[in-house]
Amino acid sequence: MSSKKDTEKKKRTYEGMNSAYLAKKWKSAFAGGMPADAVREYVDAHGCFLWHVFTWGNARCLQREAASAAFDMAEKAGAFIAEEYSFNGGGKNTEYVFRKCPPDLKSADLADAAEVFVVGKNFRWTYETACGLGPYFAMKGERT
């Protein structure tokens, strides 16, 4: 994002979804097989991020070039982008701004982005760019 002022113009909801709903639905789709105590420790705790389900090896995903290739081939119709707006200590308190995903979005377009989720229609897949890690791509329901 270019500035906080630009961020203020972006939507903090998307098709009735807010940050809390995104986190709940995303965890259900991509961390549903994780033990509850692992979710509390690695995802919901202060200082944690949703994408920690991938970094701690608790959810199956593609990483780096394989993740980018899968994302580039993914169907973008009905997908949306959730970009971190306010960390607020992380975990359950992170807030996101939302926008519709362009149908021609490619991984190269997000190469410099951090803390951005692109989520496929009905949470079928997710692509995440993390600070220096990943990117990660996962399909709903795939477990380690």
C-alpha atoms as a PDB file:
ATOM      1  CA  MET A   1       0.000   0.000   0.000  1.00  0.00           C
ATOM      2  CA  SER A   2       1.200   3.444  -0.750  1.00  0.00           C
ATOM      3  CA  SER A   3       0.022   5.292   2.347  1.00  0.00           C
ATOM      4  CA  LYS A   4      -2.262   5.154   5.347  1.00  0.00           C
ATOM      5  CA  LYS A   5      -4.562   7.674   3.659  1.00  0.00           C
ATOM      6  CA  ASP A   6      -4.973   5.321   0.685  1.00  0.00           C
ATOM      7  CA  THR A   7      -5.703   2.486   3.108  1.00  0.00           C
ATOM      8  CA  GLU A   8      -8.439   4.499   4.786  1.00  0.00           C
ATOM      9  CA  LYS A   9     -10.290   4.562   1.450  1.00  0.00           C
ATOM     10  CA  LYS A  10     -10.344   0.775   1.210  1.00  0.00           C
ATOM     11  CA  LYS A  11     -13.138  -1.384   2.492  1.00  0.00           C
ATOM     12  CA  ARG A  12     -12.900  -3.018   5.886  1.00  0.00           C
ATOM     13  CA  THR A  13     -15.682  -5.378   4.860  1.00  0.00           C
ATOM     14  CA  TYR A  14     -16.266  -7.425   1.733  1.00  0.00           C
ATOM     15  CA  GLU A  15     -19.624  -8.887   0.789  1.00  0.00           C
ATOM     16  CA  GLY A  16     -20.667  -8.780   4.443  1.00  0.00           C
ATOM     17  CA  MET A  17     -17.376 -10.253   5.697  1.00  0.00           C
ATOM     18  CA  ASN A  18     -15.220  -8.439   8.234  1.00  0.00           C
ATOM     19  CA  SER A  19     -11.781  -9.302   9.636  1.00  0.00           C
ATOM     20  CA  ALA A  20     -13.117 -11.548  12.394  1.00  0.00           C
ATOM     21  CA  TYR A  21     -15.266 -13.507   9.951  1.00  0.00           C
ATOM     22  CA  LEU A  22     -12.337 -13.837   7.529  1.00  0.00           C
ATOM     23  CA  ALA A  23     -10.136 -15.283  10.278  1.00  0.00           C
ATOM     24  CA  LYS A  24     -12.819 -17.731  11.422  1.00  0.00           C
ATOM     25  CA  LYS A  25     -13.723 -18.919   7.928  1.00  0.00           C
ATOM     26  CA  TRP A  26     -10.079 -19.065   6.792  1.00  0.00           C
ATOM     27  CA  LYS A  27      -9.048 -21.150   9.822  1.00  0.00           C
ATOM     28  CA  SER A  28     -11.974 -23.492   9.225  1.00  0.00           C
ATOM     29  CA  ALA A  29     -10.931 -23.990   5.599  1.00  0.00           C
ATOM     30  CA  PHE A  30      -7.152 -24.213   5.974  1.00  0.00           C
ATOM     31  CA  ALA A  31      -6.404 -25.035   9.632  1.00  0.00           C
ATOM     32  CA  GLY A  32      -9.397 -27.235  10.394  1.00  0.00           C
ATOM     33  CA  GLY A  33      -7.233 -30.285  10.926  1.00  0.00           C
ATOM     34  CA  MET A  34      -4.942 -28.593  13.432  1.00  0.00           C
ATOM     35  CA  PRO A  35      -5.372 -29.410  17.119  1.00  0.00           C
ATOM     36  CA  ALA A  36      -7.137 -26.579  18.969  1.00  0.00           C
ATOM     37  CA  ASP A  37      -4.155 -26.024  21.252  1.00  0.00           C
ATOM     38  CA  ALA A  38      -1.853 -25.575  18.235  1.00  0.00           C
ATOM     39  CA  VAL A  39      -4.240 -23.000  16.733  1.00  0.00           C
ATOM     40  CA  ARG A  40      -4.282 -21.103  20.031  1.00  0.00           C
ATOM     41  CA  GLU A  41      -0.488 -21.188  20.313  1.00  0.00           C
ATOM     42  CA  TYR A  42       0.609 -20.606  16.708  1.00  0.00           C
ATOM     43  CA  VAL A  43      -2.255 -18.698  15.104  1.00  0.00           C
ATOM     44  CA  ASP A  44      -4.489 -16.910  17.623  1.00  0.00           C
ATOM     45  CA  ALA A  45      -1.869 -15.873  20.174  1.00  0.00           C
ATOM     46  CA  HIS A  46      -0.468 -12.366  20.501  1.00  0.00           C
ATOM     47  CA  GLY A  47       2.179 -11.802  17.830  1.00  0.00           C
ATOM     48  CA  CYS A  48       0.945 -14.584  15.543  1.00  0.00           C
ATOM     49  CA  PHE A  49      -0.521 -14.612  12.050  1.00  0.00           C
ATOM     50  CA  LEU A  50      -3.026 -16.810  10.210  1.00  0.00           C
ATOM     51  CA  TRP A  51      -0.323 -18.003   7.841  1.00  0.00           C
ATOM     52  CA  HIS A  52       1.554 -19.564  10.759  1.00  0.00           C
ATOM     53  CA  VAL A  53      -0.520 -22.680  10.058  1.00  0.00           C
ATOM     54  CA  PHE A  54       1.880 -23.155   7.153  1.00  0.00           C
ATOM     55  CA  THR A  55       5.174 -22.132   8.765  1.00  0.00           C
ATOM     56  CA  TRP A  56       4.727 -24.533  11.675  1.00  0.00           C
ATOM     57  CA  GLY A  57       4.003 -27.423   9.309  1.00  0.00           C
ATOM     58  CA  ASN A  58       0.485 -27.999  10.575  1.00  0.00           C
ATOM     59  CA  ALA A  59      -1.272 -27.539   7.242  1.00  0.00           C
ATOM     60  CA  ARG A  60      -0.406 -28.861   3.803  1.00  0.00           C
ATOM     61  CA  CYS A  61       0.622 -26.187   1.336  1.00  0.00           C
ATOM     62  CA  LEU A  62       2.862 -25.385  -1.571  1.00  0.00           C
ATOM     63  CA  GLN A  63       5.666 -22.926  -0.937  1.00  0.00           C
ATOM     64  CA  ARG A  64       7.758 -20.472  -2.915  1.00  0.00           C
ATOM     65  CA  GLU A  65       7.877 -21.103  -6.685  1.00  0.00           C
ATOM     66  CA  ALA A  66       5.386 -23.990  -6.535  1.00  0.00           C
ATOM     67  CA  ALA A  67       2.944 -21.768  -4.631  1.00  0.00           C
ATOM     68  CA  SER A  68       3.329 -18.960  -7.153  1.00  0.00           C
ATOM     69  CA  ALA A  69       2.792 -21.325 -10.078  1.00  0.00           C
ATOM     70  CA  ALA A  70      -0.357 -22.787  -8.497  1.00  0.00           C
ATOM     71  CA  PHE A  71      -1.700 -19.309  -7.790  1.00  0.00           C
ATOM     72  CA  ASP A  72      -1.031 -18.144 -11.336  1.00  0.00           C
ATOM     73  CA  MET A  73      -3.106 -21.070 -12.623  1.00  0.00           C
ATOM     74  CA  ALA A  74      -5.922 -20.715 -10.043  1.00  0.00           C
ATOM     75  CA  GLU A  75      -9.379 -19.535 -11.075  1.00  0.00           C
ATOM     76  CA  LYS A  76      -9.702 -15.945  -9.824  1.00  0.00           C
ATOM     77  CA  ALA A  77     -13.436 -15.472 -10.553  1.00  0.00           C
ATOM     78  CA  GLY A  78     -15.130 -14.806  -7.215  1.00  0.00           C
ATOM     79  CA  ALA A  79     -11.809 -14.442  -5.366  1.00  0.00           C
ATOM     80  CA  PHE A  80     -10.976 -11.547  -3.054  1.00  0.00           C
ATOM     81  CA  ILE A  81      -7.907  -9.951  -1.543  1.00  0.00           C
ATOM     82  CA  ALA A  82      -7.516  -9.334   2.193  1.00  0.00           C
ATOM     83  CA  GLU A  83      -4.569  -7.135   3.096  1.00  0.00           C
ATOM     84  CA  GLU A  84      -3.431  -6.558   6.636  1.00  0.00           C
ATOM     85  CA  TYR A  85      -4.527  -3.120   7.759  1.00  0.00           C
ATOM     86  CA  SER A  86      -3.764  -3.171  11.459  1.00  0.00           C
ATOM     87  CA  PHE A  87      -1.750  -5.816  13.280  1.00  0.00           C
ATOM     88  CA  ASN A  88      -3.055  -4.898  16.770  1.00  0.00           C
ATOM     89  CA  GLY A  89      -0.796  -7.513  18.347  1.00  0.00           C
ATOM     90  CA  GLY A  90      -1.749 -10.154  15.806  1.00  0.00           C
ATOM     91  CA  GLY A  91      -3.715 -13.278  16.398  1.00  0.00           C
ATOM     92  CA  LYS A  92      -7.441 -12.653  16.548  1.00  0.00           C
ATOM     93  CA  ASN A  93      -6.935  -8.872  16.596  1.00  0.00           C
ATOM     94  CA  THR A  94      -5.482  -8.394  13.122  1.00  0.00           C
ATOM     95  CA  GLU A  95      -7.654  -6.261  10.855  1.00  0.00           C
ATOM     96  CA  TYR A  96      -7.814  -6.473   7.071  1.00  0.00           C
ATOM     97  CA  VAL A  97      -8.996  -4.343   4.185  1.00  0.00           C
ATOM     98  CA  PHE A  98     -10.721  -6.135   1.331  1.00  0.00           C
ATOM     99  CA  ARG A  99     -11.084  -5.800  -2.405  1.00  0.00           C
ATOM    100  CA  LYS A 100     -12.153  -7.924  -5.333  1.00  0.00           C
ATOM    101  CA  CYS A 101      -9.377  -9.931  -6.952  1.00  0.00           C
ATOM    102  CA  PRO A 102      -8.669  -8.975 -10.569  1.00  0.00           C
ATOM    103  CA  PRO A 103      -9.177 -12.024 -12.816  1.00  0.00           C
ATOM    104  CA  ASP A 104      -5.708 -11.627 -14.318  1.00  0.00           C
ATOM    105  CA  LEU A 105      -3.772 -11.169 -11.051  1.00  0.00           C
ATOM    106  CA  LYS A 106      -0.454 -13.032 -11.048  1.00  0.00           C
ATOM    107  CA  SER A 107       2.011 -13.833  -8.296  1.00  0.00           C
ATOM    108  CA  ALA A 108       4.498 -11.358  -9.789  1.00  0.00           C
ATOM    109  CA  ASP A 109       1.959  -8.591  -9.102  1.00  0.00           C
ATOM    110  CA  LEU A 110       2.228  -9.410  -5.393  1.00  0.00           C
ATOM    111  CA  ALA A 111       5.988  -9.968  -5.276  1.00  0.00           C
ATOM    112  CA  ASP A 112       6.607  -6.930  -3.067  1.00  0.00           C
ATOM    113  CA  ALA A 113       3.464  -7.341  -0.958  1.00  0.00           C
ATOM    114  CA  ALA A 114       3.493  -8.554   2.623  1.00  0.00           C
ATOM    115  CA  GLU A 115       0.639  -9.880   4.719  1.00  0.00           C
ATOM    116  CA  VAL A 116      -1.739 -10.259   1.796  1.00  0.00           C
ATOM    117  CA  PHE A 117      -4.176 -13.125   1.393  1.00  0.00           C
ATOM    118  CA  VAL A 118      -5.895 -13.900  -1.881  1.00  0.00           C
ATOM    119  CA  VAL A 119      -8.780 -16.250  -1.220  1.00  0.00           C
ATOM    120  CA  GLY A 120     -10.617 -18.191  -3.888  1.00  0.00           C
ATOM    121  CA  LYS A 121     -14.375 -18.360  -4.218  1.00  0.00           C
ATOM    122  CA  ASN A 122     -15.984 -20.171  -1.276  1.00  0.00           C
ATOM    123  CA  PHE A 123     -12.564 -20.368   0.418  1.00  0.00           C
ATOM    124  CA  ARG A 124     -11.566 -23.146  -2.002  1.00  0.00           C
ATOM    125  CA  TRP A 125      -7.918 -22.009  -2.040  1.00  0.00           C
ATOM    126  CA  THR A 126      -5.684 -19.375  -0.505  1.00  0.00           C
ATOM    127  CA  TYR A 127      -2.465 -17.669  -1.523  1.00  0.00           C
ATOM    128  CA  GLU A 128      -0.503 -15.734   1.058  1.00  0.00           C
ATOM    129  CA  THR A 129       2.504 -13.479   0.836  1.00  0.00           C
ATOM    130  CA  ALA A 130       4.318 -13.302   4.160  1.00  0.00           C
ATOM    131  CA  CYS A 131       7.197 -11.084   5.234  1.00  0.00           C
ATOM    132  CA  GLY A 132      10.151 -12.853   3.669  1.00  0.00           C
ATOM    133  CA  LEU A 133       8.552 -16.298   3.962  1.00  0.00           C
ATOM    134  CA  GLY A 134       6.426 -18.180   1.496  1.00  0.00           C
ATOM    135  CA  PRO A 135       4.505 -17.389  -0.503  1.00  0.00           C
ATOM    136  CA  TYR A 136       2.091 -20.153   0.416  1.00  0.00           C
ATOM    137  CA  PHE A 137      -0.736 -21.730  -1.582  1.00  0.00           C
ATOM    138  CA  ALA A 138      -3.206 -24.184  -0.112  1.00  0.00           C
ATOM    139  CA  MET A 139      -6.407 -25.897  -1.144  1.00  0.00           C
ATOM    140  CA  LYS A 140      -9.344 -26.172   1.231  1.00  0.00           C
ATOM    141  CA  GLY A 141      -9.373 -29.338   3.269  1.00  0.00           C
ATOM    142  CA  GLU A 142      -5.861 -30.558   2.448  1.00  0.00           C
ATOM    143  CA  ARG A 143      -4.043 -31.734   5.582  1.00  0.00           C
ATOM    144  CA  THR A 144      -0.578 -32.999   6.383  1.00  0.00           C
END
